[in-house]
Amino acid sequence: MKKTLTIVITSVALLILMFSIVIMFMGSRAIQKNEPLYIFGYSFTVVAPTGSMLGDLPDSLDNYDIAIIRKGSYDEIEIGMVIVFQAEYNANDKVLVIHRVVGLHPDGGYETKGDNNPSVDRDPVTETNFQGIYVSKITFLRPLSELAANGKNIIFLVLIIVLASLLISEVMNIIKQINHAKKEEMIEQNNADIEAMKAAEKEKIYQEILEEERQKKLPKDE
């Protein structure tokens, strides 16, 4: 029972590590494509140090706040909401922008603006570039989010190395546990076979003794 429980716990730990590594790679890919990585419909992003969403409103955002995002529907958008969308940074790159919806755009879609910006954004938010709806924010982790934002490539590399090392360690541990369990099973089976052979030998000797006693009791020929 103890061996089985150990293997089960180790297997669960291995699955968690594998899931973490998958999430890490998915997160790296999402960052490269400038898309939120949604898990169970929610994601987060670190507010870039542009100061565009500074303000006194409850949902205004300071630099390096962690914004919690819900993968809402484009049809849910209302004027006054803070939303996340992709905007063109240059001809080849896009960036995630978190701004407030301030109205309808003349060209269709929604018009957005940073609370601290003097003018509205140039391009409209459409169903194509819409990414999610702001839900809440975490402010007390700003120092950590600033560190992560400035050194995210190094941090991701370190985390991947650590997780890969833990994964290899867990795999080796599982193999060791399985081999140990098989060895103990073979020893137990061998002991059982030896005991069975001893019991059979004892039974054989007992039957031989009974046969000798029976022969002694038979009348002898005159």
C-alpha atoms as a PDB file:
ATOM      1  CA  MET A   1       0.000   0.000   0.000  1.00  0.00           C
ATOM      2  CA  LYS A   2       2.805   2.399   0.932  1.00  0.00           C
ATOM      3  CA  LYS A   3       4.655   1.701  -2.331  1.00  0.00           C
ATOM      4  CA  THR A   4       1.495   2.276  -4.372  1.00  0.00           C
ATOM      5  CA  LEU A   5       0.796   5.563  -2.573  1.00  0.00           C
ATOM      6  CA  THR A   6       4.375   6.736  -3.192  1.00  0.00           C
ATOM      7  CA  ILE A   7       4.116   5.962  -6.905  1.00  0.00           C
ATOM      8  CA  VAL A   8       0.730   7.718  -7.145  1.00  0.00           C
ATOM      9  CA  ILE A   9       2.028  10.860  -5.390  1.00  0.00           C
ATOM     10  CA  THR A  10       5.153  10.901  -7.565  1.00  0.00           C
ATOM     11  CA  SER A  11       3.050  10.455 -10.706  1.00  0.00           C
ATOM     12  CA  VAL A  12       0.783  13.349  -9.708  1.00  0.00           C
ATOM     13  CA  ALA A  13       3.834  15.535  -9.055  1.00  0.00           C
ATOM     14  CA  LEU A  14       5.189  14.581 -12.484  1.00  0.00           C
ATOM     15  CA  LEU A  15       1.899  15.500 -14.153  1.00  0.00           C
ATOM     16  CA  ILE A  16       1.905  18.867 -12.378  1.00  0.00           C
ATOM     17  CA  LEU A  17       5.459  19.518 -13.553  1.00  0.00           C
ATOM     18  CA  MET A  18       4.601  18.545 -17.122  1.00  0.00           C
ATOM     19  CA  PHE A  19       1.530  20.810 -17.004  1.00  0.00           C
ATOM     20  CA  SER A  20       3.700  23.649 -15.681  1.00  0.00           C
ATOM     21  CA  ILE A  21       6.202  23.196 -18.511  1.00  0.00           C
ATOM     22  CA  VAL A  22       3.400  23.136 -21.101  1.00  0.00           C
ATOM     23  CA  ILE A  23       1.940  26.327 -19.609  1.00  0.00           C
ATOM     24  CA  MET A  24       5.418  27.881 -19.633  1.00  0.00           C
ATOM     25  CA  PHE A  25       5.918  27.140 -23.336  1.00  0.00           C
ATOM     26  CA  MET A  26       2.375  28.283 -24.144  1.00  0.00           C
ATOM     27  CA  GLY A  27       3.034  31.453 -22.173  1.00  0.00           C
ATOM     28  CA  SER A  28       6.253  32.089 -24.072  1.00  0.00           C
ATOM     29  CA  ARG A  29       4.441  31.598 -27.358  1.00  0.00           C
ATOM     30  CA  ALA A  30       1.609  33.902 -26.248  1.00  0.00           C
ATOM     31  CA  ILE A  31       4.145  36.595 -25.284  1.00  0.00           C
ATOM     32  CA  GLN A  32       5.863  36.273 -28.656  1.00  0.00           C
ATOM     33  CA  LYS A  33       2.507  36.712 -30.420  1.00  0.00           C
ATOM     34  CA  ASN A  34       1.406  39.388 -27.925  1.00  0.00           C
ATOM     35  CA  GLU A  35      -1.725  37.481 -26.973  1.00  0.00           C
ATOM     36  CA  PRO A  36      -3.064  36.744 -23.476  1.00  0.00           C
ATOM     37  CA  LEU A  37      -2.683  33.154 -22.294  1.00  0.00           C
ATOM     38  CA  TYR A  38      -6.108  32.165 -20.972  1.00  0.00           C
ATOM     39  CA  ILE A  39      -6.477  29.418 -18.368  1.00  0.00           C
ATOM     40  CA  PHE A  40     -10.075  28.587 -17.479  1.00  0.00           C
ATOM     41  CA  GLY A  41     -11.179  31.766 -19.207  1.00  0.00           C
ATOM     42  CA  TYR A  42      -8.887  34.158 -17.318  1.00  0.00           C
ATOM     43  CA  SER A  43      -5.474  35.686 -17.921  1.00  0.00           C
ATOM     44  CA  PHE A  44      -3.312  38.519 -16.683  1.00  0.00           C
ATOM     45  CA  THR A  45      -0.962  41.084 -18.097  1.00  0.00           C
ATOM     46  CA  VAL A  46       1.528  43.533 -16.637  1.00  0.00           C
ATOM     47  CA  VAL A  47       0.653  47.139 -17.394  1.00  0.00           C
ATOM     48  CA  ALA A  48       3.410  48.672 -19.506  1.00  0.00           C
ATOM     49  CA  PRO A  49       5.165  51.775 -18.100  1.00  0.00           C
ATOM     50  CA  THR A  50       3.537  54.195 -20.531  1.00  0.00           C
ATOM     51  CA  GLY A  51       1.372  55.954 -17.956  1.00  0.00           C
ATOM     52  CA  SER A  52      -1.565  55.911 -20.367  1.00  0.00           C
ATOM     53  CA  MET A  53      -4.043  54.508 -17.830  1.00  0.00           C
ATOM     54  CA  LEU A  54      -3.014  56.590 -14.803  1.00  0.00           C
ATOM     55  CA  GLY A  55      -6.002  58.188 -13.130  1.00  0.00           C
ATOM     56  CA  ASP A  56      -8.311  58.386 -10.125  1.00  0.00           C
ATOM     57  CA  LEU A  57     -10.979  55.948 -11.269  1.00  0.00           C
ATOM     58  CA  PRO A  58     -11.269  52.574  -9.504  1.00  0.00           C
ATOM     59  CA  ASP A  59     -10.225  50.802 -12.704  1.00  0.00           C
ATOM     60  CA  SER A  60      -7.427  53.209 -13.644  1.00  0.00           C
ATOM     61  CA  LEU A  61      -4.068  51.460 -13.797  1.00  0.00           C
ATOM     62  CA  ASP A  62      -0.611  52.379 -12.584  1.00  0.00           C
ATOM     63  CA  ASN A  63       2.585  51.254 -14.275  1.00  0.00           C
ATOM     64  CA  TYR A  64       3.385  47.585 -13.585  1.00  0.00           C
ATOM     65  CA  ASP A  65      -0.014  46.830 -12.067  1.00  0.00           C
ATOM     66  CA  ILE A  66      -1.094  43.269 -12.810  1.00  0.00           C
ATOM     67  CA  ALA A  67      -4.379  43.443 -14.716  1.00  0.00           C
ATOM     68  CA  ILE A  68      -6.690  40.431 -14.487  1.00  0.00           C
ATOM     69  CA  ILE A  69      -8.432  39.791 -17.799  1.00  0.00           C
ATOM     70  CA  ARG A  70     -11.492  37.738 -18.654  1.00  0.00           C
ATOM     71  CA  LYS A  71     -11.915  36.214 -22.086  1.00  0.00           C
ATOM     72  CA  GLY A  72     -15.204  37.923 -22.711  1.00  0.00           C
ATOM     73  CA  SER A  73     -17.216  38.211 -25.872  1.00  0.00           C
ATOM     74  CA  TYR A  74     -16.959  41.169 -28.218  1.00  0.00           C
ATOM     75  CA  ASP A  75     -20.731  41.578 -27.869  1.00  0.00           C
ATOM     76  CA  GLU A  76     -20.281  42.264 -24.124  1.00  0.00           C
ATOM     77  CA  ILE A  77     -18.360  45.499 -24.718  1.00  0.00           C
ATOM     78  CA  GLU A  78     -19.977  48.627 -23.306  1.00  0.00           C
ATOM     79  CA  ILE A  79     -18.859  52.238 -23.276  1.00  0.00           C
ATOM     80  CA  GLY A  80     -16.824  52.877 -20.121  1.00  0.00           C
ATOM     81  CA  MET A  81     -15.355  49.379 -19.972  1.00  0.00           C
ATOM     82  CA  VAL A  82     -11.605  48.814 -19.827  1.00  0.00           C
ATOM     83  CA  ILE A  83     -10.668  46.250 -22.460  1.00  0.00           C
ATOM     84  CA  VAL A  84      -7.567  44.606 -23.902  1.00  0.00           C
ATOM     85  CA  PHE A  85      -6.861  44.614 -27.618  1.00  0.00           C
ATOM     86  CA  GLN A  86      -4.032  44.260 -30.098  1.00  0.00           C
ATOM     87  CA  ALA A  87      -2.646  47.370 -31.752  1.00  0.00           C
ATOM     88  CA  GLU A  88      -0.049  47.676 -34.486  1.00  0.00           C
ATOM     89  CA  TYR A  89       3.313  48.764 -33.120  1.00  0.00           C
ATOM     90  CA  ASN A  90       4.937  48.768 -36.547  1.00  0.00           C
ATOM     91  CA  ALA A  91       4.470  46.920 -39.827  1.00  0.00           C
ATOM     92  CA  ASN A  92       5.522  43.569 -38.357  1.00  0.00           C
ATOM     93  CA  ASP A  93       4.748  43.760 -34.635  1.00  0.00           C
ATOM     94  CA  LYS A  94       1.646  44.060 -32.499  1.00  0.00           C
ATOM     95  CA  VAL A  95       1.313  45.007 -28.855  1.00  0.00           C
ATOM     96  CA  LEU A  96      -1.349  44.427 -26.245  1.00  0.00           C
ATOM     97  CA  VAL A  97      -3.071  47.623 -25.193  1.00  0.00           C
ATOM     98  CA  ILE A  98      -5.388  48.061 -22.213  1.00  0.00           C
ATOM     99  CA  HIS A  99      -7.535  51.193 -22.643  1.00  0.00           C
ATOM    100  CA  ARG A 100     -11.035  52.388 -21.907  1.00  0.00           C
ATOM    101  CA  VAL A 101     -13.925  52.289 -24.386  1.00  0.00           C
ATOM    102  CA  VAL A 102     -15.108  55.879 -24.851  1.00  0.00           C
ATOM    103  CA  GLY A 103     -17.476  55.597 -27.793  1.00  0.00           C
ATOM    104  CA  LEU A 104     -18.181  54.226 -31.240  1.00  0.00           C
ATOM    105  CA  HIS A 105     -15.544  54.708 -33.926  1.00  0.00           C
ATOM    106  CA  PRO A 106     -16.594  56.459 -37.152  1.00  0.00           C
ATOM    107  CA  ASP A 107     -15.123  53.601 -39.188  1.00  0.00           C
ATOM    108  CA  GLY A 108     -16.950  50.934 -37.160  1.00  0.00           C
ATOM    109  CA  GLY A 109     -16.054  49.169 -33.962  1.00  0.00           C
ATOM    110  CA  TYR A 110     -15.254  50.941 -30.705  1.00  0.00           C
ATOM    111  CA  GLU A 111     -13.193  54.022 -29.948  1.00  0.00           C
ATOM    112  CA  THR A 112     -10.738  53.703 -27.060  1.00  0.00           C
ATOM    113  CA  LYS A 113      -8.543  56.022 -25.030  1.00  0.00           C
ATOM    114  CA  GLY A 114      -6.055  55.808 -22.178  1.00  0.00           C
ATOM    115  CA  ASP A 115      -7.337  57.633 -19.088  1.00  0.00           C
ATOM    116  CA  ASN A 116      -4.174  59.755 -19.033  1.00  0.00           C
ATOM    117  CA  ASN A 117      -3.910  60.265 -22.797  1.00  0.00           C
ATOM    118  CA  PRO A 118      -4.925  63.579 -24.369  1.00  0.00           C
ATOM    119  CA  SER A 119      -6.558  61.983 -27.431  1.00  0.00           C
ATOM    120  CA  VAL A 120      -8.356  58.830 -28.483  1.00  0.00           C
ATOM    121  CA  ASP A 121      -6.574  55.898 -30.117  1.00  0.00           C
ATOM    122  CA  ARG A 122      -6.204  56.065 -33.877  1.00  0.00           C
ATOM    123  CA  ASP A 123      -7.576  52.653 -34.830  1.00  0.00           C
ATOM    124  CA  PRO A 124     -10.888  51.131 -33.754  1.00  0.00           C
ATOM    125  CA  VAL A 125     -11.270  47.971 -31.693  1.00  0.00           C
ATOM    126  CA  THR A 126     -13.042  45.348 -33.747  1.00  0.00           C
ATOM    127  CA  GLU A 127     -13.873  41.708 -33.187  1.00  0.00           C
ATOM    128  CA  THR A 128     -10.600  40.851 -34.936  1.00  0.00           C
ATOM    129  CA  ASN A 129      -8.220  42.641 -32.568  1.00  0.00           C
ATOM    130  CA  PHE A 130     -10.306  42.416 -29.387  1.00  0.00           C
ATOM    131  CA  GLN A 131      -8.621  40.196 -26.758  1.00  0.00           C
ATOM    132  CA  GLY A 132     -10.469  40.438 -23.452  1.00  0.00           C
ATOM    133  CA  ILE A 133     -12.196  42.457 -20.725  1.00  0.00           C
ATOM    134  CA  TYR A 134     -10.477  43.942 -17.676  1.00  0.00           C
ATOM    135  CA  VAL A 135     -11.799  42.487 -14.398  1.00  0.00           C
ATOM    136  CA  SER A 136      -9.514  43.519 -11.556  1.00  0.00           C
ATOM    137  CA  LYS A 137      -5.951  44.466 -10.666  1.00  0.00           C
ATOM    138  CA  ILE A 138      -3.176  43.438  -8.279  1.00  0.00           C
ATOM    139  CA  THR A 139      -1.109  46.369  -7.068  1.00  0.00           C
ATOM    140  CA  PHE A 140       1.086  45.027  -4.231  1.00  0.00           C
ATOM    141  CA  LEU A 141       3.180  42.932  -6.629  1.00  0.00           C
ATOM    142  CA  ARG A 142       4.435  45.880  -8.690  1.00  0.00           C
ATOM    143  CA  PRO A 143       8.129  45.382  -7.754  1.00  0.00           C
ATOM    144  CA  LEU A 144       7.990  41.744  -8.847  1.00  0.00           C
ATOM    145  CA  SER A 145       6.036  42.488 -12.018  1.00  0.00           C
ATOM    146  CA  GLU A 146       8.519  45.239 -12.901  1.00  0.00           C
ATOM    147  CA  LEU A 147      11.372  42.765 -12.478  1.00  0.00           C
ATOM    148  CA  ALA A 148       9.539  40.164 -14.548  1.00  0.00           C
ATOM    149  CA  ALA A 149       8.713  42.668 -17.287  1.00  0.00           C
ATOM    150  CA  ASN A 150      12.285  43.948 -17.573  1.00  0.00           C
ATOM    151  CA  GLY A 151      13.953  40.535 -17.456  1.00  0.00           C
ATOM    152  CA  LYS A 152      11.227  38.220 -18.706  1.00  0.00           C
ATOM    153  CA  ASN A 153      13.449  36.363 -21.165  1.00  0.00           C
ATOM    154  CA  ILE A 154      16.011  35.501 -18.482  1.00  0.00           C
ATOM    155  CA  ILE A 155      13.287  34.575 -15.994  1.00  0.00           C
ATOM    156  CA  PHE A 156      11.547  32.311 -18.498  1.00  0.00           C
ATOM    157  CA  LEU A 157      14.841  30.623 -19.338  1.00  0.00           C
ATOM    158  CA  VAL A 158      15.626  30.024 -15.655  1.00  0.00           C
ATOM    159  CA  LEU A 159      12.134  28.699 -14.972  1.00  0.00           C
ATOM    160  CA  ILE A 160      12.293  26.363 -17.950  1.00  0.00           C
ATOM    161  CA  ILE A 161      15.678  25.013 -16.812  1.00  0.00           C
ATOM    162  CA  VAL A 162      14.398  24.529 -13.243  1.00  0.00           C
ATOM    163  CA  LEU A 163      11.184  22.836 -14.375  1.00  0.00           C
ATOM    164  CA  ALA A 164      13.051  20.618 -16.840  1.00  0.00           C
ATOM    165  CA  SER A 165      15.481  19.582 -14.087  1.00  0.00           C
ATOM    166  CA  LEU A 166      12.605  18.784 -11.749  1.00  0.00           C
ATOM    167  CA  LEU A 167      10.869  16.833 -14.506  1.00  0.00           C
ATOM    168  CA  ILE A 168      13.971  14.721 -15.169  1.00  0.00           C
ATOM    169  CA  SER A 169      14.404  14.179 -11.422  1.00  0.00           C
ATOM    170  CA  GLU A 170      10.796  13.050 -11.039  1.00  0.00           C
ATOM    171  CA  VAL A 171      11.073  10.690 -14.029  1.00  0.00           C
ATOM    172  CA  MET A 172      14.215   9.129 -12.570  1.00  0.00           C
ATOM    173  CA  ASN A 173      12.497   8.833  -9.197  1.00  0.00           C
ATOM    174  CA  ILE A 174       9.471   7.112 -10.743  1.00  0.00           C
ATOM    175  CA  ILE A 175      11.722   4.672 -12.638  1.00  0.00           C
ATOM    176  CA  LYS A 176      13.586   3.974  -9.406  1.00  0.00           C
ATOM    177  CA  GLN A 177      10.329   3.395  -7.522  1.00  0.00           C
ATOM    178  CA  ILE A 178       9.001   1.073 -10.232  1.00  0.00           C
ATOM    179  CA  ASN A 179      12.239  -0.934 -10.352  1.00  0.00           C
ATOM    180  CA  HIS A 180      12.260  -1.167  -6.556  1.00  0.00           C
ATOM    181  CA  ALA A 181       8.647  -2.335  -6.541  1.00  0.00           C
ATOM    182  CA  LYS A 182       9.381  -4.955  -9.214  1.00  0.00           C
ATOM    183  CA  LYS A 183      12.430  -6.174  -7.272  1.00  0.00           C
ATOM    184  CA  GLU A 184      10.430  -6.525  -4.085  1.00  0.00           C
ATOM    185  CA  GLU A 185       7.664  -8.290  -5.973  1.00  0.00           C
ATOM    186  CA  MET A 186      10.191 -10.756  -7.428  1.00  0.00           C
ATOM    187  CA  ILE A 187      11.673 -11.360  -3.963  1.00  0.00           C
ATOM    188  CA  GLU A 188       8.215 -11.948  -2.507  1.00  0.00           C
ATOM    189  CA  GLN A 189       7.330 -14.298  -5.368  1.00  0.00           C
ATOM    190  CA  ASN A 190      10.633 -16.148  -4.931  1.00  0.00           C
ATOM    191  CA  ASN A 191      10.036 -16.514  -1.186  1.00  0.00           C
ATOM    192  CA  ALA A 192       6.517 -17.739  -1.866  1.00  0.00           C
ATOM    193  CA  ASP A 193       7.863 -20.323  -4.345  1.00  0.00           C
ATOM    194  CA  ILE A 194      10.459 -21.490  -1.796  1.00  0.00           C
ATOM    195  CA  GLU A 195       7.807 -21.814   0.906  1.00  0.00           C
ATOM    196  CA  ALA A 196       5.579 -23.724  -1.497  1.00  0.00           C
ATOM    197  CA  MET A 197       8.448 -26.078  -2.336  1.00  0.00           C
ATOM    198  CA  LYS A 198       9.173 -26.590   1.377  1.00  0.00           C
ATOM    199  CA  ALA A 199       5.537 -27.320   2.059  1.00  0.00           C
ATOM    200  CA  ALA A 200       5.411 -29.788  -0.857  1.00  0.00           C
ATOM    201  CA  GLU A 201       8.580 -31.494   0.368  1.00  0.00           C
ATOM    202  CA  LYS A 202       7.201 -31.736   3.897  1.00  0.00           C
ATOM    203  CA  GLU A 203       3.989 -33.194   2.565  1.00  0.00           C
ATOM    204  CA  LYS A 204       5.955 -35.722   0.519  1.00  0.00           C
ATOM    205  CA  ILE A 205       8.018 -36.798   3.543  1.00  0.00           C
ATOM    206  CA  TYR A 206       4.860 -37.006   5.646  1.00  0.00           C
ATOM    207  CA  GLN A 207       3.162 -39.198   3.073  1.00  0.00           C
ATOM    208  CA  GLU A 208       6.262 -41.428   2.884  1.00  0.00           C
ATOM    209  CA  ILE A 209       6.222 -41.829   6.672  1.00  0.00           C
ATOM    210  CA  LEU A 210       2.524 -42.699   6.574  1.00  0.00           C
ATOM    211  CA  GLU A 211       3.180 -45.256   3.855  1.00  0.00           C
ATOM    212  CA  GLU A 212       5.971 -46.839   5.910  1.00  0.00           C
ATOM    213  CA  GLU A 213       3.730 -47.044   8.941  1.00  0.00           C
ATOM    214  CA  ARG A 214       0.976 -48.595   6.875  1.00  0.00           C
ATOM    215  CA  GLN A 215       3.376 -51.158   5.457  1.00  0.00           C
ATOM    216  CA  LYS A 216       4.511 -52.084   8.962  1.00  0.00           C
ATOM    217  CA  LYS A 217       0.947 -52.793  10.040  1.00  0.00           C
ATOM    218  CA  LEU A 218       0.253 -55.127   7.147  1.00  0.00           C
ATOM    219  CA  PRO A 219       0.353 -58.932   8.132  1.00  0.00           C
ATOM    220  CA  LYS A 220       3.569 -60.590   7.072  1.00  0.00           C
ATOM    221  CA  ASP A 221       3.473 -63.696   4.821  1.00  0.00           C
ATOM    222  CA  GLU A 222       4.241 -66.924   6.699  1.00  0.00           C
END
